[in-house]
PDB file of N, CA and C in Angstrom:
ATOM      1  N   MET A   1     104.258 210.779  24.246  1.00  0.00           N
ATOM      2  CA  MET A   1     104.169 209.405  23.785  1.00  0.00           C
ATOM      3  C   MET A   1     102.719 208.968  23.799  1.00  0.00           C
ATOM      4  N   SER A   2     102.327 208.198  22.799  1.00  0.00           N
ATOM      5  CA  SER A   2     100.979 207.657  22.740  1.00  0.00           C
ATOM      6  C   SER A   2     100.735 206.755  23.927  1.00  0.00           C
ATOM      7  N   LYS A   3      99.521 206.753  24.403  1.00  0.00           N
ATOM      8  CA  LYS A   3      99.179 205.903  25.541  1.00  0.00           C
ATOM      9  C   LYS A   3      99.008 204.479  25.039  1.00  0.00           C
ATOM     10  N   ILE A   4      99.769 203.553  25.602  1.00  0.00           N
ATOM     11  CA  ILE A   4      99.657 202.135  25.260  1.00  0.00           C
ATOM     12  C   ILE A   4      98.791 201.492  26.331  1.00  0.00           C
ATOM     13  N   ILE A   5      97.758 200.800  25.905  1.00  0.00           N
ATOM     14  CA  ILE A   5      96.875 200.121  26.844  1.00  0.00           C
ATOM     15  C   ILE A   5      97.005 198.620  26.593  1.00  0.00           C
ATOM     16  N   PRO A   6      97.769 197.920  27.444  1.00  0.00           N
ATOM     17  CA  PRO A   6      97.949 196.488  27.247  1.00  0.00           C
ATOM     18  C   PRO A   6      96.684 195.705  27.578  1.00  0.00           C
ATOM     19  N   THR A   7      96.551 194.535  26.986  1.00  0.00           N
ATOM     20  CA  THR A   7      95.397 193.677  27.233  1.00  0.00           C
ATOM     21  C   THR A   7      95.788 192.529  28.160  1.00  0.00           C
ATOM     22  N   GLY A   8      94.788 191.897  28.760  1.00  0.00           N
ATOM     23  CA  GLY A   8      95.024 190.723  29.598  1.00  0.00           C
ATOM     24  C   GLY A   8      96.041 190.976  30.690  1.00  0.00           C
ATOM     25  N   ASP A   9      96.997 190.042  30.819  1.00  0.00           N
ATOM     26  CA  ASP A   9      98.023 190.195  31.858  1.00  0.00           C
ATOM     27  C   ASP A   9      99.333 190.722  31.290  1.00  0.00           C
ATOM     28  N   ASN A  10      99.244 191.506  30.219  1.00  0.00           N
ATOM     29  CA  ASN A  10     100.444 192.086  29.617  1.00  0.00           C
ATOM     30  C   ASN A  10     100.842 193.375  30.329  1.00  0.00           C
ATOM     31  N   VAL A  11     102.146 193.662  30.286  1.00  0.00           N
ATOM     32  CA  VAL A  11     102.717 194.821  30.955  1.00  0.00           C
ATOM     33  C   VAL A  11     103.653 195.520  29.977  1.00  0.00           C
ATOM     34  N   VAL A  12     103.605 196.867  29.936  1.00  0.00           N
ATOM     35  CA  VAL A  12     104.517 197.652  29.105  1.00  0.00           C
ATOM     36  C   VAL A  12     105.606 198.197  30.020  1.00  0.00           C
ATOM     37  N   VAL A  13     106.868 197.933  29.640  1.00  0.00           N
ATOM     38  CA  VAL A  13     108.013 198.295  30.472  1.00  0.00           C
ATOM     39  C   VAL A  13     109.018 199.079  29.648  1.00  0.00           C
ATOM     40  N   GLU A  14     109.591 200.108  30.263  1.00  0.00           N
ATOM     41  CA  GLU A  14     110.708 200.839  29.668  1.00  0.00           C
ATOM     42  C   GLU A  14     111.966 200.313  30.332  1.00  0.00           C
ATOM     43  N   SER A  15     112.896 199.768  29.540  1.00  0.00           N
ATOM     44  CA  SER A  15     114.095 199.175  30.151  1.00  0.00           C
ATOM     45  C   SER A  15     114.970 200.258  30.759  1.00  0.00           C
ATOM     46  N   ILE A  16     115.610 199.889  31.847  1.00  0.00           N
ATOM     47  CA  ILE A  16     116.539 200.784  32.539  1.00  0.00           C
ATOM     48  C   ILE A  16     117.943 200.300  32.218  1.00  0.00           C
ATOM     49  N   LYS A  17     118.734 201.173  31.650  1.00  0.00           N
ATOM     50  CA  LYS A  17     120.115 200.827  31.300  1.00  0.00           C
ATOM     51  C   LYS A  17     120.925 200.684  32.569  1.00  0.00           C
ATOM     52  N   GLU A  18     121.679 199.610  32.643  1.00  0.00           N
ATOM     53  CA  GLU A  18     122.539 199.363  33.795  1.00  0.00           C
ATOM     54  C   GLU A  18     123.784 200.234  33.700  1.00  0.00           C
ATOM     55  N   ASP A  19     124.361 200.549  34.838  1.00  0.00           N
ATOM     56  CA  ASP A  19     125.581 201.332  34.907  1.00  0.00           C
ATOM     57  C   ASP A  19     126.721 200.555  34.255  1.00  0.00           C
ATOM     58  N   ASN A  20     127.511 201.211  33.435  1.00  0.00           N
ATOM     59  CA  ASN A  20     128.609 200.560  32.725  1.00  0.00           C
ATOM     60  C   ASN A  20     129.941 200.679  33.459  1.00  0.00           C
ATOM     61  N   THR A  21     129.892 200.870  34.778  1.00  0.00           N
ATOM     62  CA  THR A  21     131.112 200.971  35.567  1.00  0.00           C
ATOM     63  C   THR A  21     131.158 199.805  36.543  1.00  0.00           C
ATOM     64  N   SER A  22     132.280 199.130  36.593  1.00  0.00           N
ATOM     65  CA  SER A  22     132.428 197.999  37.514  1.00  0.00           C
ATOM     66  C   SER A  22     132.555 198.513  38.951  1.00  0.00           C
ATOM     67  N   ALA A  23     132.508 197.603  39.910  1.00  0.00           N
ATOM     68  CA  ALA A  23     132.616 197.968  41.327  1.00  0.00           C
ATOM     69  C   ALA A  23     133.937 198.661  41.626  1.00  0.00           C
ATOM     70  N   SER A  24     134.986 198.322  40.863  1.00  0.00           N
ATOM     71  CA  SER A  24     136.292 198.935  41.103  1.00  0.00           C
ATOM     72  C   SER A  24     136.493 200.230  40.313  1.00  0.00           C
ATOM     73  N   GLY A  25     135.463 200.660  39.566  1.00  0.00           N
ATOM     74  CA  GLY A  25     135.539 201.932  38.851  1.00  0.00           C
ATOM     75  C   GLY A  25     135.956 201.827  37.401  1.00  0.00           C
ATOM     76  N   ILE A  26     136.126 200.617  36.892  1.00  0.00           N
ATOM     77  CA  ILE A  26     136.510 200.441  35.494  1.00  0.00           C
ATOM     78  C   ILE A  26     135.269 200.615  34.620  1.00  0.00           C
ATOM     79  N   ILE A  27     135.386 201.450  33.590  1.00  0.00           N
ATOM     80  CA  ILE A  27     134.260 201.686  32.688  1.00  0.00           C
ATOM     81  C   ILE A  27     134.230 200.568  31.648  1.00  0.00           C
ATOM     82  N   ILE A  28     133.076 199.900  31.550  1.00  0.00           N
ATOM     83  CA  ILE A  28     132.904 198.797  30.604  1.00  0.00           C
ATOM     84  C   ILE A  28     132.220 199.350  29.365  1.00  0.00           C
ATOM     85  N   PRO A  29     132.852 199.238  28.183  1.00  0.00           N
ATOM     86  CA  PRO A  29     132.228 199.771  26.971  1.00  0.00           C
ATOM     87  C   PRO A  29     130.948 199.012  26.627  1.00  0.00           C
ATOM     88  N   GLU A  30     129.996 199.719  25.988  1.00  0.00           N
ATOM     89  CA  GLU A  30     128.711 199.121  25.633  1.00  0.00           C
ATOM     90  C   GLU A  30     128.872 197.903  24.739  1.00  0.00           C
ATOM     91  N   THR A  31     129.902 197.898  23.901  1.00  0.00           N
ATOM     92  CA  THR A  31     130.117 196.780  22.991  1.00  0.00           C
ATOM     93  C   THR A  31     130.504 195.509  23.731  1.00  0.00           C
ATOM     94  N   ALA A  32     131.054 195.627  24.916  1.00  0.00           N
ATOM     95  CA  ALA A  32     131.466 194.458  25.695  1.00  0.00           C
ATOM     96  C   ALA A  32     130.285 193.824  26.425  1.00  0.00           C
ATOM     97  N   SER A  33     129.254 194.589  26.634  1.00  0.00           N
ATOM     98  CA  SER A  33     128.085 194.091  27.365  1.00  0.00           C
ATOM     99  C   SER A  33     126.901 193.990  26.412  1.00  0.00           C
ATOM    100  N   LYS A  34     126.705 192.829  25.811  1.00  0.00           N
ATOM    101  CA  LYS A  34     125.663 192.636  24.801  1.00  0.00           C
ATOM    102  C   LYS A  34     124.356 192.120  25.399  1.00  0.00           C
ATOM    103  N   GLU A  35     124.322 191.811  26.689  1.00  0.00           N
ATOM    104  CA  GLU A  35     123.109 191.270  27.279  1.00  0.00           C
ATOM    105  C   GLU A  35     122.033 192.342  27.384  1.00  0.00           C
ATOM    106  N   LYS A  36     120.787 191.920  27.173  1.00  0.00           N
ATOM    107  CA  LYS A  36     119.658 192.829  27.292  1.00  0.00           C
ATOM    108  C   LYS A  36     119.452 193.192  28.758  1.00  0.00           C
ATOM    109  N   PRO A  37     119.017 194.423  29.012  1.00  0.00           N
ATOM    110  CA  PRO A  37     118.739 194.779  30.396  1.00  0.00           C
ATOM    111  C   PRO A  37     117.576 193.956  30.927  1.00  0.00           C
ATOM    112  N   MET A  38     117.637 193.616  32.182  1.00  0.00           N
ATOM    113  CA  MET A  38     116.591 192.813  32.785  1.00  0.00           C
ATOM    114  C   MET A  38     115.856 193.599  33.863  1.00  0.00           C
ATOM    115  N   LYS A  39     116.025 194.906  33.862  1.00  0.00           N
ATOM    116  CA  LYS A  39     115.371 195.758  34.835  1.00  0.00           C
ATOM    117  C   LYS A  39     114.655 196.862  34.089  1.00  0.00           C
ATOM    118  N   GLY A  40     113.461 197.237  34.555  1.00  0.00           N
ATOM    119  CA  GLY A  40     112.738 198.287  33.872  1.00  0.00           C
ATOM    120  C   GLY A  40     111.656 198.914  34.730  1.00  0.00           C
ATOM    121  N   LYS A  41     111.114 200.019  34.205  1.00  0.00           N
ATOM    122  CA  LYS A  41     110.042 200.748  34.882  1.00  0.00           C
ATOM    123  C   LYS A  41     108.729 200.435  34.168  1.00  0.00           C
ATOM    124  N   VAL A  42     107.709 200.087  34.930  1.00  0.00           N
ATOM    125  CA  VAL A  42     106.401 199.743  34.368  1.00  0.00           C
ATOM    126  C   VAL A  42     105.704 201.026  33.920  1.00  0.00           C
ATOM    127  N   LEU A  43     105.324 201.070  32.629  1.00  0.00           N
ATOM    128  CA  LEU A  43     104.628 202.225  32.064  1.00  0.00           C
ATOM    129  C   LEU A  43     103.117 202.021  32.035  1.00  0.00           C
ATOM    130  N   ALA A  44     102.674 200.779  31.802  1.00  0.00           N
ATOM    131  CA  ALA A  44     101.241 200.479  31.727  1.00  0.00           C
ATOM    132  C   ALA A  44     101.008 199.020  32.074  1.00  0.00           C
ATOM    133  N   VAL A  45      99.833 198.749  32.641  1.00  0.00           N
ATOM    134  CA  VAL A  45      99.481 197.401  33.083  1.00  0.00           C
ATOM    135  C   VAL A  45      98.106 197.052  32.544  1.00  0.00           C
ATOM    136  N   GLY A  46      97.960 195.820  32.034  1.00  0.00           N
ATOM    137  CA  GLY A  46      96.666 195.352  31.556  1.00  0.00           C
ATOM    138  C   GLY A  46      95.712 195.096  32.717  1.00  0.00           C
ATOM    139  N   PRO A  47      94.450 194.788  32.414  1.00  0.00           N
ATOM    140  CA  PRO A  47      93.450 194.581  33.458  1.00  0.00           C
ATOM    141  C   PRO A  47      93.622 193.280  34.237  1.00  0.00           C
ATOM    142  N   GLY A  48      94.425 192.363  33.741  1.00  0.00           N
ATOM    143  CA  GLY A  48      94.633 191.079  34.413  1.00  0.00           C
ATOM    144  C   GLY A  48      94.081 189.942  33.577  1.00  0.00           C
ATOM    145  N   LYS A  49      94.578 188.766  33.850  1.00  0.00           N
ATOM    146  CA  LYS A  49      94.176 187.573  33.105  1.00  0.00           C
ATOM    147  C   LYS A  49      92.801 187.104  33.585  1.00  0.00           C
ATOM    148  N   MET A  50      91.998 186.639  32.647  1.00  0.00           N
ATOM    149  CA  MET A  50      90.676 186.127  32.973  1.00  0.00           C
ATOM    150  C   MET A  50      90.813 184.700  33.502  1.00  0.00           C
ATOM    151  N   GLY A  51      90.266 184.455  34.670  1.00  0.00           N
ATOM    152  CA  GLY A  51      90.328 183.131  35.273  1.00  0.00           C
ATOM    153  C   GLY A  51      89.249 182.211  34.731  1.00  0.00           C
ATOM    154  N   ASP A  52      89.327 180.934  35.075  1.00  0.00           N
ATOM    155  CA  ASP A  52      88.330 179.952  34.636  1.00  0.00           C
ATOM    156  C   ASP A  52      86.947 180.257  35.187  1.00  0.00           C
ATOM    157  N   ASP A  53      86.896 180.970  36.307  1.00  0.00           N
ATOM    158  CA  ASP A  53      85.621 181.314  36.922  1.00  0.00           C
ATOM    159  C   ASP A  53      84.994 182.571  36.322  1.00  0.00           C
ATOM    160  N   GLY A  54      85.658 183.168  35.319  1.00  0.00           N
ATOM    161  CA  GLY A  54      85.131 184.358  34.655  1.00  0.00           C
ATOM    162  C   GLY A  54      85.511 185.659  35.341  1.00  0.00           C
ATOM    163  N   LYS A  55      86.316 185.598  36.383  1.00  0.00           N
ATOM    164  CA  LYS A  55      86.750 186.796  37.101  1.00  0.00           C
ATOM    165  C   LYS A  55      88.191 187.120  36.734  1.00  0.00           C
ATOM    166  N   ARG A  56      88.482 188.407  36.707  1.00  0.00           N
ATOM    167  CA  ARG A  56      89.854 188.844  36.407  1.00  0.00           C
ATOM    168  C   ARG A  56      90.749 188.645  37.617  1.00  0.00           C
ATOM    169  N   ARG A  57      91.981 188.210  37.350  1.00  0.00           N
ATOM    170  CA  ARG A  57      92.993 188.068  38.392  1.00  0.00           C
ATOM    171  C   ARG A  57      93.689 189.422  38.554  1.00  0.00           C
ATOM    172  N   GLU A  58      93.826 189.868  39.774  1.00  0.00           N
ATOM    173  CA  GLU A  58      94.455 191.159  40.042  1.00  0.00           C
ATOM    174  C   GLU A  58      95.937 191.112  39.683  1.00  0.00           C
ATOM    175  N   MET A  59      96.429 192.178  39.067  1.00  0.00           N
ATOM    176  CA  MET A  59      97.839 192.269  38.694  1.00  0.00           C
ATOM    177  C   MET A  59      98.670 192.587  39.939  1.00  0.00           C
ATOM    178  N   GLU A  60      99.888 192.029  40.005  1.00  0.00           N
ATOM    179  CA  GLU A  60     100.767 192.232  41.154  1.00  0.00           C
ATOM    180  C   GLU A  60     101.686 193.439  40.988  1.00  0.00           C
ATOM    181  N   VAL A  61     101.712 194.017  39.781  1.00  0.00           N
ATOM    182  CA  VAL A  61     102.527 195.206  39.540  1.00  0.00           C
ATOM    183  C   VAL A  61     101.617 196.344  39.110  1.00  0.00           C
ATOM    184  N   SER A  62     102.107 197.567  39.269  1.00  0.00           N
ATOM    185  CA  SER A  62     101.337 198.727  38.843  1.00  0.00           C
ATOM    186  C   SER A  62     102.271 199.735  38.186  1.00  0.00           C
ATOM    187  N   GLU A  63     101.687 200.737  37.539  1.00  0.00           N
ATOM    188  CA  GLU A  63     102.482 201.757  36.861  1.00  0.00           C
ATOM    189  C   GLU A  63     103.460 202.396  37.835  1.00  0.00           C
ATOM    190  N   GLY A  64     104.690 202.605  37.361  1.00  0.00           N
ATOM    191  CA  GLY A  64     105.710 203.234  38.175  1.00  0.00           C
ATOM    192  C   GLY A  64     106.609 202.265  38.925  1.00  0.00           C
ATOM    193  N   ASP A  65     106.197 200.998  39.037  1.00  0.00           N
ATOM    194  CA  ASP A  65     107.027 199.998  39.712  1.00  0.00           C
ATOM    195  C   ASP A  65     108.299 199.741  38.907  1.00  0.00           C
ATOM    196  N   THR A  66     109.393 199.429  39.595  1.00  0.00           N
ATOM    197  CA  THR A  66     110.618 198.969  38.954  1.00  0.00           C
ATOM    198  C   THR A  66     110.657 197.461  39.136  1.00  0.00           C
ATOM    199  N   VAL A  67     110.841 196.741  38.021  1.00  0.00           N
ATOM    200  CA  VAL A  67     110.742 195.283  38.051  1.00  0.00           C
ATOM    201  C   VAL A  67     111.962 194.611  37.435  1.00  0.00           C
ATOM    202  N   LEU A  68     112.182 193.363  37.822  1.00  0.00           N
ATOM    203  CA  LEU A  68     113.167 192.487  37.187  1.00  0.00           C
ATOM    204  C   LEU A  68     112.392 191.498  36.347  1.00  0.00           C
ATOM    205  N   PHE A  69     112.835 191.266  35.117  1.00  0.00           N
ATOM    206  CA  PHE A  69     112.086 190.396  34.217  1.00  0.00           C
ATOM    207  C   PHE A  69     113.004 189.496  33.415  1.00  0.00           C
ATOM    208  N   SER A  70     112.416 188.477  32.800  1.00  0.00           N
ATOM    209  CA  SER A  70     113.148 187.530  31.967  1.00  0.00           C
ATOM    210  C   SER A  70     113.702 188.243  30.744  1.00  0.00           C
ATOM    211  N   LYS A  71     114.975 187.995  30.426  1.00  0.00           N
ATOM    212  CA  LYS A  71     115.549 188.669  29.258  1.00  0.00           C
ATOM    213  C   LYS A  71     115.046 188.081  27.942  1.00  0.00           C
ATOM    214  N   TYR A  72     114.419 186.907  27.985  1.00  0.00           N
ATOM    215  CA  TYR A  72     113.919 186.289  26.758  1.00  0.00           C
ATOM    216  C   TYR A  72     112.415 186.455  26.584  1.00  0.00           C
ATOM    217  N   GLY A  73     111.717 187.007  27.558  1.00  0.00           N
ATOM    218  CA  GLY A  73     110.263 187.117  27.518  1.00  0.00           C
ATOM    219  C   GLY A  73     109.698 188.293  26.732  1.00  0.00           C
ATOM    220  N   PRO A  74     110.307 189.476  26.800  1.00  0.00           N
ATOM    221  CA  PRO A  74     109.669 190.654  26.212  1.00  0.00           C
ATOM    222  C   PRO A  74     109.721 190.720  24.691  1.00  0.00           C
ATOM    223  N   THR A  75     108.739 191.448  24.170  1.00  0.00           N
ATOM    224  CA  THR A  75     108.699 191.794  22.754  1.00  0.00           C
ATOM    225  C   THR A  75     109.045 193.272  22.657  1.00  0.00           C
ATOM    226  N   GLU A  76     110.029 193.613  21.835  1.00  0.00           N
ATOM    227  CA  GLU A  76     110.433 195.006  21.674  1.00  0.00           C
ATOM    228  C   GLU A  76     109.532 195.684  20.661  1.00  0.00           C
ATOM    229  N   VAL A  77     109.030 196.863  21.020  1.00  0.00           N
ATOM    230  CA  VAL A  77     108.136 197.628  20.163  1.00  0.00           C
ATOM    231  C   VAL A  77     108.593 199.081  20.180  1.00  0.00           C
ATOM    232  N   LYS A  78     108.517 199.746  19.026  1.00  0.00           N
ATOM    233  CA  LYS A  78     108.867 201.157  18.958  1.00  0.00           C
ATOM    234  C   LYS A  78     107.574 201.965  18.844  1.00  0.00           C
ATOM    235  N   VAL A  79     107.359 202.870  19.807  1.00  0.00           N
ATOM    236  CA  VAL A  79     106.167 203.714  19.821  1.00  0.00           C
ATOM    237  C   VAL A  79     106.622 205.161  19.889  1.00  0.00           C
ATOM    238  N   ASP A  80     106.234 205.946  18.889  1.00  0.00           N
ATOM    239  CA  ASP A  80     106.631 207.360  18.817  1.00  0.00           C
ATOM    240  C   ASP A  80     108.139 207.525  18.924  1.00  0.00           C
ATOM    241  N   GLY A  81     108.897 206.604  18.303  1.00  0.00           N
ATOM    242  CA  GLY A  81     110.349 206.679  18.293  1.00  0.00           C
ATOM    243  C   GLY A  81     111.025 206.201  19.565  1.00  0.00           C
ATOM    244  N   LYS A  82     110.252 205.717  20.526  1.00  0.00           N
ATOM    245  CA  LYS A  82     110.801 205.248  21.799  1.00  0.00           C
ATOM    246  C   LYS A  82     110.606 203.744  21.894  1.00  0.00           C
ATOM    247  N   GLU A  83     111.680 203.015  22.235  1.00  0.00           N
ATOM    248  CA  GLU A  83     111.575 201.557  22.362  1.00  0.00           C
ATOM    249  C   GLU A  83     111.048 201.176  23.734  1.00  0.00           C
ATOM    250  N   VAL A  84     109.996 200.359  23.737  1.00  0.00           N
ATOM    251  CA  VAL A  84     109.436 199.831  24.975  1.00  0.00           C
ATOM    252  C   VAL A  84     109.323 198.318  24.836  1.00  0.00           C
ATOM    253  N   LEU A  85     109.125 197.648  25.945  1.00  0.00           N
ATOM    254  CA  LEU A  85     108.996 196.195  25.970  1.00  0.00           C
ATOM    255  C   LEU A  85     107.587 195.833  26.422  1.00  0.00           C
ATOM    256  N   ILE A  86     107.004 194.844  25.775  1.00  0.00           N
ATOM    257  CA  ILE A  86     105.712 194.317  26.204  1.00  0.00           C
ATOM    258  C   ILE A  86     105.962 192.877  26.633  1.00  0.00           C
ATOM    259  N   LEU A  87     105.549 192.553  27.857  1.00  0.00           N
ATOM    260  CA  LEU A  87     105.764 191.208  28.364  1.00  0.00           C
ATOM    261  C   LEU A  87     104.590 190.765  29.206  1.00  0.00           C
ATOM    262  N   SER A  88     104.493 189.471  29.387  1.00  0.00           N
ATOM    263  CA  SER A  88     103.450 188.888  30.208  1.00  0.00           C
ATOM    264  C   SER A  88     103.842 189.047  31.673  1.00  0.00           C
ATOM    265  N   ALA A  89     102.850 189.154  32.534  1.00  0.00           N
ATOM    266  CA  ALA A  89     103.123 189.286  33.972  1.00  0.00           C
ATOM    267  C   ALA A  89     103.914 188.097  34.494  1.00  0.00           C
ATOM    268  N   SER A  90     103.764 186.933  33.864  1.00  0.00           N
ATOM    269  CA  SER A  90     104.498 185.748  34.316  1.00  0.00           C
ATOM    270  C   SER A  90     105.999 185.842  34.017  1.00  0.00           C
ATOM    271  N   ASP A  91     106.399 186.779  33.145  1.00  0.00           N
ATOM    272  CA  ASP A  91     107.818 186.994  32.848  1.00  0.00           C
ATOM    273  C   ASP A  91     108.480 187.957  33.837  1.00  0.00           C
ATOM    274  N   ILE A  92     107.687 188.513  34.756  1.00  0.00           N
ATOM    275  CA  ILE A  92     108.228 189.418  35.773  1.00  0.00           C
ATOM    276  C   ILE A  92     108.555 188.588  37.003  1.00  0.00           C
ATOM    277  N   TYR A  93     109.823 188.708  37.453  1.00  0.00           N
ATOM    278  CA  TYR A  93     110.291 187.924  38.583  1.00  0.00           C
ATOM    279  C   TYR A  93     110.121 188.623  39.914  1.00  0.00           C
ATOM    280  N   ALA A  94     110.312 189.953  39.954  1.00  0.00           N
ATOM    281  CA  ALA A  94     110.278 190.648  41.225  1.00  0.00           C
ATOM    282  C   ALA A  94     110.074 192.145  41.030  1.00  0.00           C
ATOM    283  N   LYS A  95     109.609 192.805  42.092  1.00  0.00           N
ATOM    284  CA  LYS A  95     109.551 194.258  42.141  1.00  0.00           C
ATOM    285  C   LYS A  95     110.708 194.743  43.001  1.00  0.00           C
ATOM    286  N   LEU A  96     111.285 195.875  42.640  1.00  0.00           N
ATOM    287  CA  LEU A  96     112.390 196.449  43.422  1.00  0.00           C
ATOM    288  C   LEU A  96     111.896 197.659  44.190  1.00  0.00           C
TER     289      LEU A  96
END
């Protein structure tokens, strides 16, 4: 895959598909679950947002982290036939 280098406080994430089996073992078909995944693995991180003082703000996530993010924040992009998400660091809620 081509190396994606995000700018500013942007982050490139590969979504992680959630398990389609309920707690009781019932398999839920993909057509029944239309919600976008909100969990993913960080593939690349930008250098950070530029502050008013001219200094870059350090990013709180790094490559390889698994994160929870807003389902409405990311932009879907296809790179070398693989779908990835680009989102702002402010759309990331937590690291797992």
